[in-house]
Amino acid sequence: MSIGSDIRDEAAKLCDSSSRPPSRVSTGAIPYFLSTADAGVILLSSLAGGVGYHLLVGYPLPDILPHFAVGLLASFIYILRMSGSGYYDFPDCAKSRVEIGDILFCWFTTGLLLVFFAFLLKIGVSYSRGAFAVFYFLAPVGLLGVRKLTKVALSAAVLNGTVGRRDVVLIGDFNELAALEQQDLLALFGAAQLNRFTLSREDDPLARASTDVRIFSSVANFVRSQNCREILLALPWDDAGRIEFARDQIKTLPVAARLLPDMRVRSLTNFASSARQRVLAVEIQRAPLSGLERFIKRMMDIVVATLASMFFMPILALTAIAIKLDSAGPVIFRQYRKGFNGNQFVMFKFRTMTVQENGPIVAQAARDDPRVTGIGRLLRSASIDELPQLLNVLKGDMSLIGPRPHALAHDSYFENVVGDYAFRHHVKPGITGWAQCNGARGATPSVEHISERVKLDLWYINNWSLWLDIQILIKTFFEVLRKRNAY
């Protein structure tokens, strides 16, 4: 058995999600847990300092309210300052090194701020200086101890799958992947469970490229089937050609993609930059909408599409009758289109032509097209033919707002002539979009036309907001009335 097979088998054992329990704790909850633990340490230290000092010197037990107030103020200042530096962020908090210098510096300067506030507010009379001194030196011991314990606990939780991200795919050069050990993976991006794909080791450029294409095809199938959200590339930084090739291969996938530091860069930086970034990595592809943003957009789609279907029900019924009386053929025209993540779906429209092209060759509609029926011309000019796509929205294949989907035959052509065309599949296609309400609708007879439309679509994807969707819906209403490029 070869060394490569041994490593791939070991990686498969490491990444086999079926042998591990599902993640039960979201990484998003970790900062709240850690900050709460620090707040508890500071509050207990303040109370212990007040009670302990008075018992030690033989004084009667003090009123604990001032000590509780001081501890609360101290924890607020400390947590606010540490949060600003990413101290509680995952995976930084799961790294093995305890940030002793950062903790001590932040705590002792926080103590100086407390002394300043005490002088400013003149509360020294009701608060013992001895109790404050005990509190001042007791709290950092607790903060350091809790930090060490949480790091050990987090590392164990990530390794056993209780905490961590399972939706990460690691693609890379053989040597770069072999140099990434388990602790390095945790330090770099906080995920213990990965699915690795090793690129070709062929010396011949043509053979290597051919093998890499097949590997990236397997990556695409895996990402789509497992709904992965992030791809990490482990490639030598001096191999610009392979990095660009990898970027070109993954651009159809709606995932974030980052280039990890190679072996030489890691040896210089010790996995961190001087700016205290959690990971020294280059983002080569932006992630699409977040989970919360997709949820908000989906709720809007369901509500608006349901109300619109009820409102347009009489028009839908009358249109169906008119199409049936006007010409032979089905009322609804069905055609395959590419949706989110490049997945195919059947899009519905009212039939407006005498032909129903849905193959490798589809002729675009032109002005005064003889294939358009009499009633079809009216439906197209008023955009009524698009109303059945409300069903696509309710099914989840489409959104109200998004890049307009094209026939598969046109997609294949456009992807070859427009470099960024594939990025349109990072969100669901829409009934209308930013391009359409800016006049970029109808046929695309030239590369310049489709390039302009893609530019508008990508602007929408990169600048999405709920308010933008509402604006597009309003602008679409007036665009339909103008009947610009509708034929």
Protein backbone atom coordinates (compact mmCIF):
# COMPACT_ATOMS: atom_id res chain seq x y z
CA MET A 1 0.00 0.00 0.00
CA SER A 2 1.37 3.46 -0.94
CA ILE A 3 2.05 6.33 1.41
CA GLY A 4 -0.67 8.33 -0.35
CA SER A 5 -3.20 5.57 0.31
CA ASP A 6 -2.22 5.45 3.97
CA ILE A 7 -2.75 9.18 4.34
CA ARG A 8 -6.04 9.12 2.47
CA ASP A 9 -7.27 6.24 4.64
CA GLU A 10 -6.25 8.09 7.79
CA ALA A 11 -7.97 11.24 6.54
CA ALA A 12 -11.10 9.24 5.78
CA LYS A 13 -11.15 7.94 9.36
CA LEU A 14 -10.66 11.45 10.66
CA CYS A 15 -13.40 12.90 8.47
CA ASP A 16 -15.96 10.13 8.69
CA SER A 17 -18.94 11.94 10.14
CA SER A 18 -20.91 8.73 10.48
CA SER A 19 -18.62 7.54 13.28
CA ARG A 20 -19.06 10.65 15.36
CA PRO A 21 -22.05 12.09 17.17
CA PRO A 22 -23.68 15.11 15.57
CA SER A 23 -22.64 18.56 16.79
CA ARG A 24 -24.90 19.62 19.63
CA VAL A 25 -23.44 23.03 20.51
CA SER A 26 -23.30 25.87 18.01
CA THR A 27 -19.99 27.69 17.77
CA GLY A 28 -22.01 30.91 17.86
CA ALA A 29 -22.92 30.24 21.50
CA ILE A 30 -19.31 29.84 22.65
CA PRO A 31 -18.51 33.59 23.05
CA TYR A 32 -21.55 33.99 25.32
CA PHE A 33 -20.52 31.00 27.42
CA LEU A 34 -16.92 32.18 27.79
CA SER A 35 -17.82 35.78 28.59
CA THR A 36 -20.36 34.57 31.16
CA ALA A 37 -17.67 32.39 32.77
CA ASP A 38 -15.30 35.38 33.03
CA ALA A 39 -18.06 37.55 34.47
CA GLY A 40 -18.76 34.88 37.08
CA VAL A 41 -15.07 34.70 38.05
CA ILE A 42 -14.85 38.47 38.44
CA LEU A 43 -18.06 38.72 40.48
CA LEU A 44 -17.05 35.85 42.78
CA SER A 45 -13.56 37.35 43.18
CA SER A 46 -15.05 40.68 44.20
CA LEU A 47 -17.35 39.07 46.74
CA ALA A 48 -14.60 36.76 48.01
CA GLY A 49 -12.21 39.70 48.30
CA GLY A 50 -14.65 41.71 50.39
CA VAL A 51 -15.72 38.87 52.70
CA GLY A 52 -12.28 37.27 52.94
CA TYR A 53 -10.45 40.48 53.79
CA HIS A 54 -12.88 41.42 56.55
CA LEU A 55 -12.68 37.92 58.06
CA LEU A 56 -8.89 38.00 57.81
CA VAL A 57 -8.51 41.27 59.73
CA GLY A 58 -11.31 40.51 62.18
CA TYR A 59 -13.80 43.06 60.93
CA PRO A 60 -17.53 42.31 60.85
CA LEU A 61 -18.94 41.05 57.55
CA PRO A 62 -19.46 43.93 55.13
CA ASP A 63 -22.48 44.87 53.06
CA ILE A 64 -21.98 42.80 49.89
CA LEU A 65 -23.93 45.18 47.63
CA PRO A 66 -20.96 47.55 46.97
CA HIS A 67 -18.72 44.56 46.24
CA PHE A 68 -21.30 43.10 43.88
CA ALA A 69 -21.59 46.47 42.10
CA VAL A 70 -17.81 46.79 41.74
CA GLY A 71 -17.57 43.22 40.41
CA LEU A 72 -20.35 43.85 37.94
CA LEU A 73 -18.71 47.05 36.68
CA ALA A 74 -15.31 45.34 36.45
CA SER A 75 -16.72 42.39 34.48
CA PHE A 76 -18.51 44.75 32.09
CA ILE A 77 -15.31 46.72 31.37
CA TYR A 78 -13.14 43.61 31.09
CA ILE A 79 -15.48 41.68 28.78
CA LEU A 80 -16.11 44.71 26.59
CA ARG A 81 -12.39 45.27 26.07
CA MET A 82 -11.54 41.60 25.49
CA SER A 83 -14.44 41.12 23.07
CA GLY A 84 -13.12 43.93 20.90
CA SER A 85 -9.91 41.98 20.29
CA GLY A 86 -11.68 38.73 19.31
CA TYR A 87 -10.70 37.03 22.58
CA TYR A 88 -13.96 35.08 22.85
CA ASP A 89 -14.31 34.21 19.16
CA PHE A 90 -14.18 30.64 17.93
CA PRO A 91 -11.75 29.11 16.93
CA ASP A 92 -9.28 31.51 18.55
CA CYS A 93 -10.52 30.54 21.99
CA ALA A 94 -9.88 26.84 21.26
CA LYS A 95 -6.16 27.24 20.61
CA SER A 96 -3.95 25.63 23.23
CA ARG A 97 -1.93 28.73 24.16
CA VAL A 98 -3.34 30.72 27.08
CA GLU A 99 -3.13 34.47 26.39
CA ILE A 100 -1.42 35.27 29.72
CA GLY A 101 -0.09 38.67 28.66
CA ASP A 102 -3.39 39.80 27.18
CA ILE A 103 -5.38 38.71 30.23
CA LEU A 104 -3.05 40.33 32.77
CA PHE A 105 -2.72 43.58 30.83
CA CYS A 106 -6.48 43.89 30.31
CA TRP A 107 -7.27 43.07 33.94
CA PHE A 108 -4.73 45.37 35.58
CA THR A 109 -5.68 48.30 33.35
CA THR A 110 -9.31 47.54 34.16
CA GLY A 111 -8.37 47.83 37.84
CA LEU A 112 -6.87 51.26 37.18
CA LEU A 113 -10.13 52.31 35.54
CA LEU A 114 -12.03 51.12 38.62
CA VAL A 115 -9.77 53.19 40.89
CA PHE A 116 -10.41 56.19 38.68
CA PHE A 117 -14.20 55.67 38.85
CA ALA A 118 -14.01 55.21 42.64
CA PHE A 119 -12.17 58.52 42.99
CA LEU A 120 -14.53 60.26 40.57
CA LEU A 121 -17.67 58.97 42.30
CA LYS A 122 -16.19 59.22 45.83
CA ILE A 123 -17.14 55.69 46.88
CA GLY A 124 -13.90 54.95 48.71
CA VAL A 125 -15.57 55.53 52.10
CA SER A 126 -18.00 52.62 51.64
CA TYR A 127 -15.49 50.28 49.98
CA SER A 128 -12.38 48.93 51.76
CA ARG A 129 -9.06 49.44 50.00
CA GLY A 130 -7.84 46.17 51.47
CA ALA A 131 -10.81 44.30 50.00
CA PHE A 132 -10.10 45.88 46.63
CA ALA A 133 -6.44 44.79 46.79
CA VAL A 134 -7.48 41.18 47.47
CA PHE A 135 -9.99 41.36 44.62
CA TYR A 136 -7.40 43.00 42.34
CA PHE A 137 -4.91 40.13 42.68
CA LEU A 138 -7.39 37.26 43.10
CA ALA A 139 -9.39 37.85 39.90
CA PRO A 140 -6.53 37.33 37.38
CA VAL A 141 -5.70 33.98 38.96
CA GLY A 142 -9.29 32.89 38.40
CA LEU A 143 -9.38 34.33 34.88
CA LEU A 144 -6.22 32.48 33.87
CA GLY A 145 -7.45 29.24 35.42
CA VAL A 146 -10.87 29.43 33.75
CA ARG A 147 -9.27 30.24 30.40
CA LYS A 148 -7.04 27.18 30.59
CA LEU A 149 -9.93 24.91 31.62
CA THR A 150 -12.20 26.18 28.83
CA LYS A 151 -9.45 25.69 26.24
CA VAL A 152 -8.97 22.09 27.31
CA ALA A 153 -12.72 21.52 27.33
CA LEU A 154 -13.23 23.14 23.92
CA SER A 155 -10.43 21.14 22.33
CA ALA A 156 -11.95 17.91 23.63
CA ALA A 157 -15.43 18.99 22.53
CA VAL A 158 -14.25 19.77 19.00
CA LEU A 159 -12.42 16.46 18.74
CA ASN A 160 -15.44 14.40 19.83
CA GLY A 161 -17.87 16.35 17.69
CA THR A 162 -19.82 18.06 20.46
CA VAL A 163 -18.65 21.46 19.19
CA GLY A 164 -17.40 22.34 15.76
CA ARG A 165 -18.25 22.66 12.12
CA ARG A 166 -18.85 19.62 9.94
CA ASP A 167 -19.54 21.48 6.72
CA VAL A 168 -15.92 22.21 5.79
CA VAL A 169 -14.17 20.73 2.74
CA LEU A 170 -10.39 20.79 2.53
CA ILE A 171 -8.79 20.62 -0.92
CA GLY A 172 -5.09 20.75 -1.47
CA ASP A 173 -1.72 19.73 -2.71
CA PHE A 174 -0.45 16.38 -1.40
CA ASN A 175 2.51 17.84 0.49
CA GLU A 176 0.51 20.71 1.98
CA LEU A 177 -2.20 18.38 3.26
CA ALA A 178 0.36 15.97 4.69
CA ALA A 179 1.93 18.86 6.65
CA LEU A 180 -1.40 19.82 8.25
CA GLU A 181 -1.73 17.90 11.50
CA GLN A 182 -4.88 17.64 13.56
CA GLN A 183 -3.84 20.33 16.04
CA ASP A 184 -2.94 22.61 13.13
CA LEU A 185 -6.40 22.22 11.66
CA LEU A 186 -7.98 23.19 14.96
CA ALA A 187 -5.69 26.19 15.33
CA LEU A 188 -6.33 27.33 11.76
CA PHE A 189 -10.11 27.14 11.54
CA GLY A 190 -11.54 25.34 14.54
CA ALA A 191 -12.90 22.23 12.84
CA ALA A 192 -11.75 18.73 13.64
CA GLN A 193 -13.98 16.94 11.14
CA LEU A 194 -13.13 17.55 7.51
CA ASN A 195 -13.59 15.98 4.13
CA ARG A 196 -10.29 16.06 2.28
CA PHE A 197 -9.66 15.95 -1.45
CA THR A 198 -6.05 15.56 -2.57
CA LEU A 199 -5.20 17.01 -5.96
CA SER A 200 -3.14 15.24 -8.59
CA ARG A 201 0.59 14.61 -8.16
CA GLU A 202 1.20 14.14 -11.89
CA ASP A 203 4.25 15.87 -13.36
CA ASP A 204 2.71 16.23 -16.81
CA PRO A 205 0.64 19.48 -16.83
CA LEU A 206 -2.08 18.07 -19.11
CA ALA A 207 -2.50 14.88 -17.08
CA ARG A 208 -2.51 16.86 -13.85
CA ALA A 209 -5.16 19.27 -15.11
CA SER A 210 -7.35 16.43 -16.36
CA THR A 211 -7.17 14.64 -13.00
CA ASP A 212 -7.80 17.84 -11.08
CA VAL A 213 -10.94 18.53 -13.13
CA ARG A 214 -12.33 15.13 -12.10
CA ILE A 215 -11.42 15.77 -8.46
CA PHE A 216 -13.15 19.15 -8.45
CA SER A 217 -16.18 17.52 -10.05
CA SER A 218 -16.28 15.13 -7.09
CA VAL A 219 -15.91 18.12 -4.76
CA ALA A 220 -18.87 19.85 -6.41
CA ASN A 221 -21.04 16.75 -6.07
CA PHE A 222 -20.09 16.35 -2.42
CA VAL A 223 -20.67 20.03 -1.58
CA ARG A 224 -24.10 19.98 -3.20
CA SER A 225 -25.19 16.70 -1.65
CA GLN A 226 -23.99 17.63 1.86
CA ASN A 227 -24.95 21.32 1.67
CA CYS A 228 -21.44 22.40 2.71
CA ARG A 229 -20.85 26.07 3.43
CA GLU A 230 -17.06 26.48 3.25
CA ILE A 231 -14.08 25.30 1.20
CA LEU A 232 -10.49 25.61 2.38
CA LEU A 233 -7.59 25.40 -0.07
CA ALA A 234 -4.17 24.18 1.04
CA LEU A 235 -1.92 25.07 -1.90
CA PRO A 236 1.60 26.51 -2.22
CA TRP A 237 1.29 30.27 -2.47
CA ASP A 238 3.89 30.43 -5.25
CA ASP A 239 1.76 28.17 -7.49
CA ALA A 240 -0.43 30.99 -8.84
CA GLY A 241 -1.63 28.91 -11.78
CA ARG A 242 -3.10 26.16 -9.61
CA ILE A 243 -4.67 28.65 -7.21
CA GLU A 244 -6.39 30.41 -10.10
CA PHE A 245 -7.44 27.04 -11.53
CA ALA A 246 -8.97 26.05 -8.18
CA ARG A 247 -10.78 29.37 -7.89
CA ASP A 248 -12.21 28.94 -11.37
CA GLN A 249 -13.41 25.40 -10.56
CA ILE A 250 -15.28 26.33 -7.36
CA LYS A 251 -16.88 29.58 -8.49
CA THR A 252 -20.11 27.78 -9.40
CA LEU A 253 -20.53 26.67 -5.78
CA PRO A 254 -22.32 29.01 -3.32
CA VAL A 255 -19.73 28.59 -0.59
CA ALA A 256 -17.06 30.69 1.08
CA ALA A 257 -13.56 29.78 -0.05
CA ARG A 258 -10.33 30.61 1.76
CA LEU A 259 -6.70 29.97 0.85
CA LEU A 260 -4.84 28.72 3.92
CA PRO A 261 -1.23 29.72 4.59
CA ASP A 262 1.21 27.27 3.08
CA MET A 263 4.02 25.56 4.99
CA ARG A 264 6.51 28.40 4.57
CA VAL A 265 4.06 31.11 5.59
CA ARG A 266 2.94 29.11 8.65
CA SER A 267 6.54 28.68 9.75
CA LEU A 268 6.99 32.47 9.69
CA THR A 269 3.71 33.48 11.35
CA ASN A 270 3.08 30.69 13.86
CA PHE A 271 -0.53 30.56 12.58
CA ALA A 272 -1.36 34.16 13.54
CA SER A 273 -0.71 37.66 12.29
CA SER A 274 0.54 40.62 14.27
CA ALA A 275 -2.94 42.14 13.97
CA ARG A 276 -4.37 39.32 16.13
CA GLN A 277 -6.41 37.90 13.29
CA ARG A 278 -7.79 34.51 14.13
CA VAL A 279 -6.55 32.99 10.89
CA LEU A 280 -4.02 34.23 8.38
CA ALA A 281 -5.99 33.19 5.32
CA VAL A 282 -7.01 34.81 2.07
CA GLU A 283 -10.70 34.93 1.19
CA ILE A 284 -10.86 34.14 -2.51
CA GLN A 285 -14.62 33.73 -2.69
CA ARG A 286 -17.25 35.46 -0.60
CA ALA A 287 -19.96 33.40 1.06
CA PRO A 288 -23.52 33.90 -0.17
CA LEU A 289 -26.33 34.96 2.17
CA SER A 290 -26.04 33.81 5.77
CA GLY A 291 -28.48 31.35 7.30
CA LEU A 292 -30.43 34.16 8.97
CA GLU A 293 -30.56 36.18 5.75
CA ARG A 294 -31.78 33.15 3.77
CA PHE A 295 -34.47 32.54 6.41
CA ILE A 296 -35.68 36.15 6.23
CA LYS A 297 -35.71 36.07 2.44
CA ARG A 298 -37.58 32.75 2.42
CA MET A 299 -40.24 34.02 4.82
CA MET A 300 -40.77 37.05 2.61
CA ASP A 301 -41.06 34.78 -0.45
CA ILE A 302 -43.69 32.57 1.16
CA VAL A 303 -45.80 35.43 2.51
CA VAL A 304 -45.71 37.60 -0.62
CA ALA A 305 -46.07 34.67 -3.07
CA THR A 306 -49.09 33.33 -1.15
CA LEU A 307 -50.81 36.72 -1.09
CA ALA A 308 -49.97 37.34 -4.76
CA SER A 309 -51.34 33.93 -5.79
CA MET A 310 -54.62 34.68 -4.06
CA PHE A 311 -54.80 38.19 -5.56
CA PHE A 312 -54.01 37.04 -9.11
CA MET A 313 -56.18 33.91 -9.01
CA PRO A 314 -58.90 35.38 -11.29
CA ILE A 315 -56.25 36.55 -13.79
CA LEU A 316 -54.58 33.15 -13.72
CA ALA A 317 -57.88 31.41 -14.45
CA LEU A 318 -58.86 33.79 -17.28
CA THR A 319 -55.38 33.54 -18.80
CA ALA A 320 -55.52 29.75 -18.83
CA ILE A 321 -58.90 29.83 -20.62
CA ALA A 322 -57.63 32.38 -23.17
CA ILE A 323 -54.53 30.32 -24.00
CA LYS A 324 -56.60 27.18 -24.48
CA LEU A 325 -59.01 28.96 -26.83
CA ASP A 326 -56.26 30.76 -28.77
CA SER A 327 -54.08 27.85 -29.91
CA ALA A 328 -53.46 24.14 -29.52
CA GLY A 329 -51.10 23.00 -26.81
CA PRO A 330 -50.72 22.99 -23.03
CA VAL A 331 -51.53 26.03 -20.92
CA ILE A 332 -48.29 25.83 -18.93
CA PHE A 333 -44.89 25.79 -20.60
CA ARG A 334 -42.23 23.87 -18.67
CA GLN A 335 -38.51 24.34 -19.19
CA TYR A 336 -35.42 23.21 -17.27
CA ARG A 337 -33.41 25.97 -15.64
CA LYS A 338 -30.46 26.12 -13.23
CA GLY A 339 -31.17 27.31 -9.72
CA PHE A 340 -29.29 27.73 -6.47
CA ASN A 341 -25.98 25.83 -6.42
CA GLY A 342 -26.45 24.94 -10.10
CA ASN A 343 -29.24 22.46 -9.33
CA GLN A 344 -31.76 22.01 -12.14
CA PHE A 345 -35.47 22.57 -11.69
CA VAL A 346 -38.55 22.87 -13.91
CA MET A 347 -39.69 26.46 -14.31
CA PHE A 348 -43.34 27.22 -15.11
CA LYS A 349 -44.63 29.90 -17.48
CA PHE A 350 -47.85 30.44 -19.37
CA ARG A 351 -47.32 29.18 -22.92
CA THR A 352 -46.96 32.14 -25.27
CA MET A 353 -45.44 30.43 -28.33
CA THR A 354 -46.36 27.75 -30.80
CA VAL A 355 -43.13 25.89 -29.95
CA GLN A 356 -41.95 24.41 -26.65
CA GLU A 357 -38.16 24.25 -26.92
CA ASN A 358 -36.44 22.57 -23.98
CA GLY A 359 -33.37 20.96 -25.48
CA PRO A 360 -29.74 21.73 -26.33
CA ILE A 361 -30.80 24.46 -28.78
CA VAL A 362 -33.25 27.15 -27.68
CA ALA A 363 -33.81 30.24 -29.82
CA GLN A 364 -34.35 33.43 -27.84
CA ALA A 365 -37.49 35.43 -28.41
CA ALA A 366 -37.06 38.44 -30.67
CA ARG A 367 -39.18 41.50 -31.40
CA ASP A 368 -42.11 40.55 -33.70
CA ASP A 369 -41.19 36.87 -33.29
CA PRO A 370 -43.56 34.79 -35.52
CA ARG A 371 -43.55 31.97 -32.95
CA VAL A 372 -45.43 34.11 -30.42
CA THR A 373 -49.19 33.52 -30.40
CA GLY A 374 -51.78 36.28 -30.49
CA ILE A 375 -52.67 36.03 -26.81
CA GLY A 376 -49.00 35.32 -26.05
CA ARG A 377 -47.95 38.74 -27.31
CA LEU A 378 -50.33 40.40 -24.87
CA LEU A 379 -49.20 38.17 -21.99
CA ARG A 380 -45.51 38.84 -22.64
CA SER A 381 -45.92 42.61 -22.91
CA ALA A 382 -47.72 42.68 -19.54
CA SER A 383 -45.38 40.03 -17.98
CA ILE A 384 -48.45 37.94 -17.09
CA ASP A 385 -46.73 34.88 -18.56
CA GLU A 386 -44.36 34.90 -15.55
CA LEU A 387 -47.11 34.56 -12.90
CA PRO A 388 -47.00 30.71 -12.73
CA GLN A 389 -43.51 31.08 -11.29
CA LEU A 390 -45.20 31.98 -8.01
CA LEU A 391 -45.58 28.20 -7.70
CA ASN A 392 -41.79 27.84 -8.17
CA VAL A 393 -41.32 30.35 -5.37
CA LEU A 394 -43.64 28.46 -3.03
CA LYS A 395 -41.87 25.19 -3.89
CA GLY A 396 -38.53 26.77 -3.00
CA ASP A 397 -36.93 26.49 -6.45
CA MET A 398 -37.01 30.24 -6.96
CA SER A 399 -37.26 33.48 -5.02
CA LEU A 400 -39.32 36.55 -5.75
CA ILE A 401 -36.11 38.53 -6.24
CA GLY A 402 -32.92 37.20 -7.78
CA PRO A 403 -31.04 36.75 -11.04
CA ARG A 404 -33.39 35.64 -13.84
CA PRO A 405 -32.74 32.00 -14.80
CA HIS A 406 -31.96 31.21 -18.42
CA ALA A 407 -32.53 28.08 -20.49
CA LEU A 408 -29.85 25.43 -19.98
CA ALA A 409 -28.61 25.88 -23.54
CA HIS A 410 -28.06 29.59 -22.92
CA ASP A 411 -26.46 28.95 -19.52
CA SER A 412 -23.81 26.73 -21.10
CA TYR A 413 -22.96 29.40 -23.66
CA PHE A 414 -22.96 32.31 -21.23
CA GLU A 415 -20.68 30.50 -18.78
CA ASN A 416 -18.08 30.17 -21.53
CA VAL A 417 -18.16 33.81 -22.67
CA VAL A 418 -18.67 35.64 -19.34
CA GLY A 419 -16.16 34.77 -16.63
CA ASP A 420 -18.30 35.66 -13.60
CA TYR A 421 -21.57 34.24 -14.93
CA ALA A 422 -21.47 31.20 -12.61
CA PHE A 423 -21.62 33.45 -9.52
CA ARG A 424 -25.30 34.08 -10.34
CA HIS A 425 -26.03 30.59 -8.98
CA HIS A 426 -24.91 31.61 -5.48
CA VAL A 427 -28.52 32.62 -4.73
CA LYS A 428 -31.90 31.38 -5.89
CA PRO A 429 -33.09 32.74 -9.23
CA GLY A 430 -35.95 35.19 -9.12
CA ILE A 431 -39.13 36.17 -10.93
CA THR A 432 -37.64 39.64 -11.11
CA GLY A 433 -34.33 41.14 -10.13
CA TRP A 434 -32.08 44.17 -9.93
CA ALA A 435 -31.15 43.75 -13.59
CA GLN A 436 -34.76 43.58 -14.77
CA CYS A 437 -35.92 46.65 -12.86
CA ASN A 438 -32.98 48.54 -14.38
CA GLY A 439 -34.06 47.71 -17.93
CA ALA A 440 -31.83 44.66 -18.51
CA ARG A 441 -34.61 42.28 -19.53
CA GLY A 442 -35.66 40.46 -22.65
CA ALA A 443 -33.24 38.93 -25.15
CA THR A 444 -29.44 39.04 -24.82
CA PRO A 445 -28.26 39.21 -28.44
CA SER A 446 -24.64 40.06 -27.63
CA VAL A 447 -21.94 39.37 -25.05
CA GLU A 448 -22.16 43.01 -23.96
CA HIS A 449 -25.85 42.57 -23.10
CA ILE A 450 -25.32 39.49 -20.94
CA SER A 451 -22.19 41.02 -19.33
CA GLU A 452 -24.20 44.05 -18.25
CA ARG A 453 -26.92 41.83 -16.83
CA VAL A 454 -24.39 39.72 -14.93
CA LYS A 455 -22.80 42.87 -13.49
CA LEU A 456 -26.18 43.99 -12.14
CA ASP A 457 -26.97 40.52 -10.79
CA LEU A 458 -23.65 40.29 -8.94
CA TRP A 459 -24.18 43.75 -7.46
CA TYR A 460 -27.49 42.52 -6.07
CA ILE A 461 -25.92 39.37 -4.58
CA ASN A 462 -23.13 41.36 -2.90
CA ASN A 463 -25.44 44.07 -1.57
CA TRP A 464 -28.56 42.10 -0.59
CA SER A 465 -30.85 43.44 2.08
CA LEU A 466 -34.53 43.06 2.85
CA TRP A 467 -35.06 46.73 2.05
CA LEU A 468 -33.36 46.22 -1.35
CA ASP A 469 -35.81 43.41 -2.15
CA ILE A 470 -38.73 45.67 -1.25
CA GLN A 471 -37.32 48.41 -3.48
CA ILE A 472 -36.98 45.98 -6.38
CA LEU A 473 -40.59 44.83 -6.00
CA ILE A 474 -41.76 48.44 -6.14
CA LYS A 475 -39.54 49.28 -9.12
CA THR A 476 -40.69 46.13 -10.91
CA PHE A 477 -44.30 47.30 -10.75
CA PHE A 478 -43.43 50.51 -12.62
CA GLU A 479 -41.12 48.61 -15.01
CA VAL A 480 -44.02 46.35 -16.00
CA LEU A 481 -46.14 49.42 -16.73
CA ARG A 482 -43.38 50.84 -18.94
CA LYS A 483 -43.18 47.55 -20.91
CA ARG A 484 -39.50 48.19 -21.65
CA ASN A 485 -37.89 45.36 -23.68
CA ALA A 486 -41.00 43.19 -23.16
CA TYR A 487 -41.77 41.20 -26.31
